[in-house]
Amino acid sequence: MDLEEIEALIVKTLKELFDNLNDVSEFLVLDSVLLGKNSVIDSLSLVNLIVDLEEEISDRLGVSISLTDDEAVFAEPSPYGSARSLAAYIAQLVN
């Protein structure tokens, strides 16, 4: 799975989380902030995003990854800074 596929998966998953909020989903892009002051999602949505991504990657690649281990949680800069940075982090894990 290459970086572009992972980025597309993240944006698709984010939009599915906000399926009932069409006004919000159109603003979800790769540079959307996922964690922090200007986050486009709340903490529960971030947890749902992480679980959905871990499951989808496991289903597609047969690889088990953890996006909540110490390495991810304490990394600087945080992989949760944006959808783009999360995609880059996932690409490192699966490749």
C-alpha atoms as a PDB file:
ATOM      1  CA  MET A   1       0.000   0.000   0.000  1.00  0.00           C
ATOM      2  CA  ASP A   2       1.624   3.244  -1.093  1.00  0.00           C
ATOM      3  CA  LEU A   3       1.325   6.683   0.467  1.00  0.00           C
ATOM      4  CA  GLU A   4      -1.367   7.889  -1.956  1.00  0.00           C
ATOM      5  CA  GLU A   5      -3.540   4.861  -1.199  1.00  0.00           C
ATOM      6  CA  ILE A   6      -3.149   5.439   2.528  1.00  0.00           C
ATOM      7  CA  GLU A   7      -3.992   9.137   2.156  1.00  0.00           C
ATOM      8  CA  ALA A   8      -7.117   8.256   0.161  1.00  0.00           C
ATOM      9  CA  LEU A   9      -8.097   5.685   2.785  1.00  0.00           C
ATOM     10  CA  ILE A  10      -7.789   8.247   5.583  1.00  0.00           C
ATOM     11  CA  VAL A  11      -9.857  10.877   3.775  1.00  0.00           C
ATOM     12  CA  LYS A  12     -12.486   8.251   2.870  1.00  0.00           C
ATOM     13  CA  THR A  13     -12.650   7.029   6.468  1.00  0.00           C
ATOM     14  CA  LEU A  14     -12.928  10.575   7.821  1.00  0.00           C
ATOM     15  CA  LYS A  15     -15.755  11.347   5.429  1.00  0.00           C
ATOM     16  CA  GLU A  16     -17.552   8.146   6.436  1.00  0.00           C
ATOM     17  CA  LEU A  17     -17.308   9.181  10.089  1.00  0.00           C
ATOM     18  CA  PHE A  18     -19.047  12.413   9.145  1.00  0.00           C
ATOM     19  CA  ASP A  19     -21.473  10.916   6.643  1.00  0.00           C
ATOM     20  CA  ASN A  20     -24.429  12.595   8.345  1.00  0.00           C
ATOM     21  CA  LEU A  21     -22.683  15.951   8.444  1.00  0.00           C
ATOM     22  CA  ASN A  22     -22.263  16.761   4.764  1.00  0.00           C
ATOM     23  CA  ASP A  23     -21.397  20.390   5.522  1.00  0.00           C
ATOM     24  CA  VAL A  24     -18.378  19.226   7.521  1.00  0.00           C
ATOM     25  CA  SER A  25     -17.194  16.365   5.315  1.00  0.00           C
ATOM     26  CA  GLU A  26     -16.465  18.612   2.340  1.00  0.00           C
ATOM     27  CA  PHE A  27     -13.800  20.347   4.427  1.00  0.00           C
ATOM     28  CA  LEU A  28     -12.001  17.153   5.419  1.00  0.00           C
ATOM     29  CA  VAL A  29      -8.758  17.067   3.470  1.00  0.00           C
ATOM     30  CA  LEU A  30      -5.214  15.814   3.953  1.00  0.00           C
ATOM     31  CA  ASP A  31      -4.186  18.940   5.833  1.00  0.00           C
ATOM     32  CA  SER A  32      -7.110  18.706   8.241  1.00  0.00           C
ATOM     33  CA  VAL A  33      -5.896  18.885  11.845  1.00  0.00           C
ATOM     34  CA  LEU A  34      -6.779  15.698  13.721  1.00  0.00           C
ATOM     35  CA  LEU A  35      -5.546  16.506  17.212  1.00  0.00           C
ATOM     36  CA  GLY A  36      -5.257  19.801  19.004  1.00  0.00           C
ATOM     37  CA  LYS A  37      -6.815  23.229  19.141  1.00  0.00           C
ATOM     38  CA  ASN A  38      -7.999  23.441  15.524  1.00  0.00           C
ATOM     39  CA  SER A  39      -8.982  19.792  15.148  1.00  0.00           C
ATOM     40  CA  VAL A  40     -11.805  19.020  12.726  1.00  0.00           C
ATOM     41  CA  ILE A  41     -12.801  16.012  14.837  1.00  0.00           C
ATOM     42  CA  ASP A  42     -13.318  15.356  18.530  1.00  0.00           C
ATOM     43  CA  SER A  43     -11.388  12.801  20.576  1.00  0.00           C
ATOM     44  CA  LEU A  44     -14.011  10.069  20.170  1.00  0.00           C
ATOM     45  CA  SER A  45     -13.931  10.520  16.390  1.00  0.00           C
ATOM     46  CA  LEU A  46     -10.131  10.265  16.470  1.00  0.00           C
ATOM     47  CA  VAL A  47     -10.397   6.959  18.336  1.00  0.00           C
ATOM     48  CA  ASN A  48     -12.948   5.712  15.797  1.00  0.00           C
ATOM     49  CA  LEU A  49     -10.679   6.811  12.937  1.00  0.00           C
ATOM     50  CA  ILE A  50      -7.712   4.951  14.430  1.00  0.00           C
ATOM     51  CA  VAL A  51      -9.694   1.742  14.991  1.00  0.00           C
ATOM     52  CA  ASP A  52     -11.190   1.877  11.499  1.00  0.00           C
ATOM     53  CA  LEU A  53      -7.775   2.430   9.906  1.00  0.00           C
ATOM     54  CA  GLU A  54      -6.143  -0.390  11.878  1.00  0.00           C
ATOM     55  CA  GLU A  55      -8.947  -2.757  10.844  1.00  0.00           C
ATOM     56  CA  GLU A  56      -8.892  -1.702   7.184  1.00  0.00           C
ATOM     57  CA  ILE A  57      -5.119  -2.121   6.932  1.00  0.00           C
ATOM     58  CA  SER A  58      -5.331  -5.509   8.601  1.00  0.00           C
ATOM     59  CA  ASP A  59      -8.079  -6.573   6.170  1.00  0.00           C
ATOM     60  CA  ARG A  60      -6.279  -5.284   3.079  1.00  0.00           C
ATOM     61  CA  LEU A  61      -2.702  -6.217   3.893  1.00  0.00           C
ATOM     62  CA  GLY A  62      -2.976  -8.914   6.529  1.00  0.00           C
ATOM     63  CA  VAL A  63      -0.693  -6.776   8.691  1.00  0.00           C
ATOM     64  CA  SER A  64      -1.496  -5.823  12.254  1.00  0.00           C
ATOM     65  CA  ILE A  65      -0.441  -2.293  13.197  1.00  0.00           C
ATOM     66  CA  SER A  66      -0.990  -0.210  16.311  1.00  0.00           C
ATOM     67  CA  LEU A  67      -1.530   3.502  15.912  1.00  0.00           C
ATOM     68  CA  THR A  68      -1.725   3.999  19.671  1.00  0.00           C
ATOM     69  CA  ASP A  69       1.551   2.507  20.846  1.00  0.00           C
ATOM     70  CA  ASP A  70       4.108   4.595  22.748  1.00  0.00           C
ATOM     71  CA  GLU A  71       6.027   5.377  19.569  1.00  0.00           C
ATOM     72  CA  ALA A  72       2.971   7.005  17.976  1.00  0.00           C
ATOM     73  CA  VAL A  73       1.631   8.704  21.080  1.00  0.00           C
ATOM     74  CA  PHE A  74       4.918  10.309  22.111  1.00  0.00           C
ATOM     75  CA  ALA A  75       6.385  11.002  18.653  1.00  0.00           C
ATOM     76  CA  GLU A  76       7.436  14.555  17.807  1.00  0.00           C
ATOM     77  CA  PRO A  77       5.958  15.801  15.641  1.00  0.00           C
ATOM     78  CA  SER A  78       2.793  13.875  16.363  1.00  0.00           C
ATOM     79  CA  PRO A  79       1.521  11.610  13.601  1.00  0.00           C
ATOM     80  CA  TYR A  80      -1.947  12.846  14.575  1.00  0.00           C
ATOM     81  CA  GLY A  81      -1.150  16.429  13.577  1.00  0.00           C
ATOM     82  CA  SER A  82      -2.939  16.050  10.254  1.00  0.00           C
ATOM     83  CA  ALA A  83      -4.377  13.426   7.981  1.00  0.00           C
ATOM     84  CA  ARG A  84      -1.240  13.782   5.858  1.00  0.00           C
ATOM     85  CA  SER A  85       1.129  13.149   8.774  1.00  0.00           C
ATOM     86  CA  LEU A  86      -0.936  10.155   9.883  1.00  0.00           C
ATOM     87  CA  ALA A  87      -0.715   8.733   6.364  1.00  0.00           C
ATOM     88  CA  ALA A  88       3.077   9.150   6.371  1.00  0.00           C
ATOM     89  CA  TYR A  89       3.295   7.393   9.744  1.00  0.00           C
ATOM     90  CA  ILE A  90       1.137   4.496   8.545  1.00  0.00           C
ATOM     91  CA  ALA A  91       3.252   4.201   5.382  1.00  0.00           C
ATOM     92  CA  GLN A  92       6.338   3.787   7.582  1.00  0.00           C
ATOM     93  CA  LEU A  93       4.648   1.016   9.536  1.00  0.00           C
ATOM     94  CA  VAL A  94       3.414  -1.004   6.581  1.00  0.00           C
ATOM     95  CA  ASN A  95       6.394  -0.630   4.241  1.00  0.00           C
END
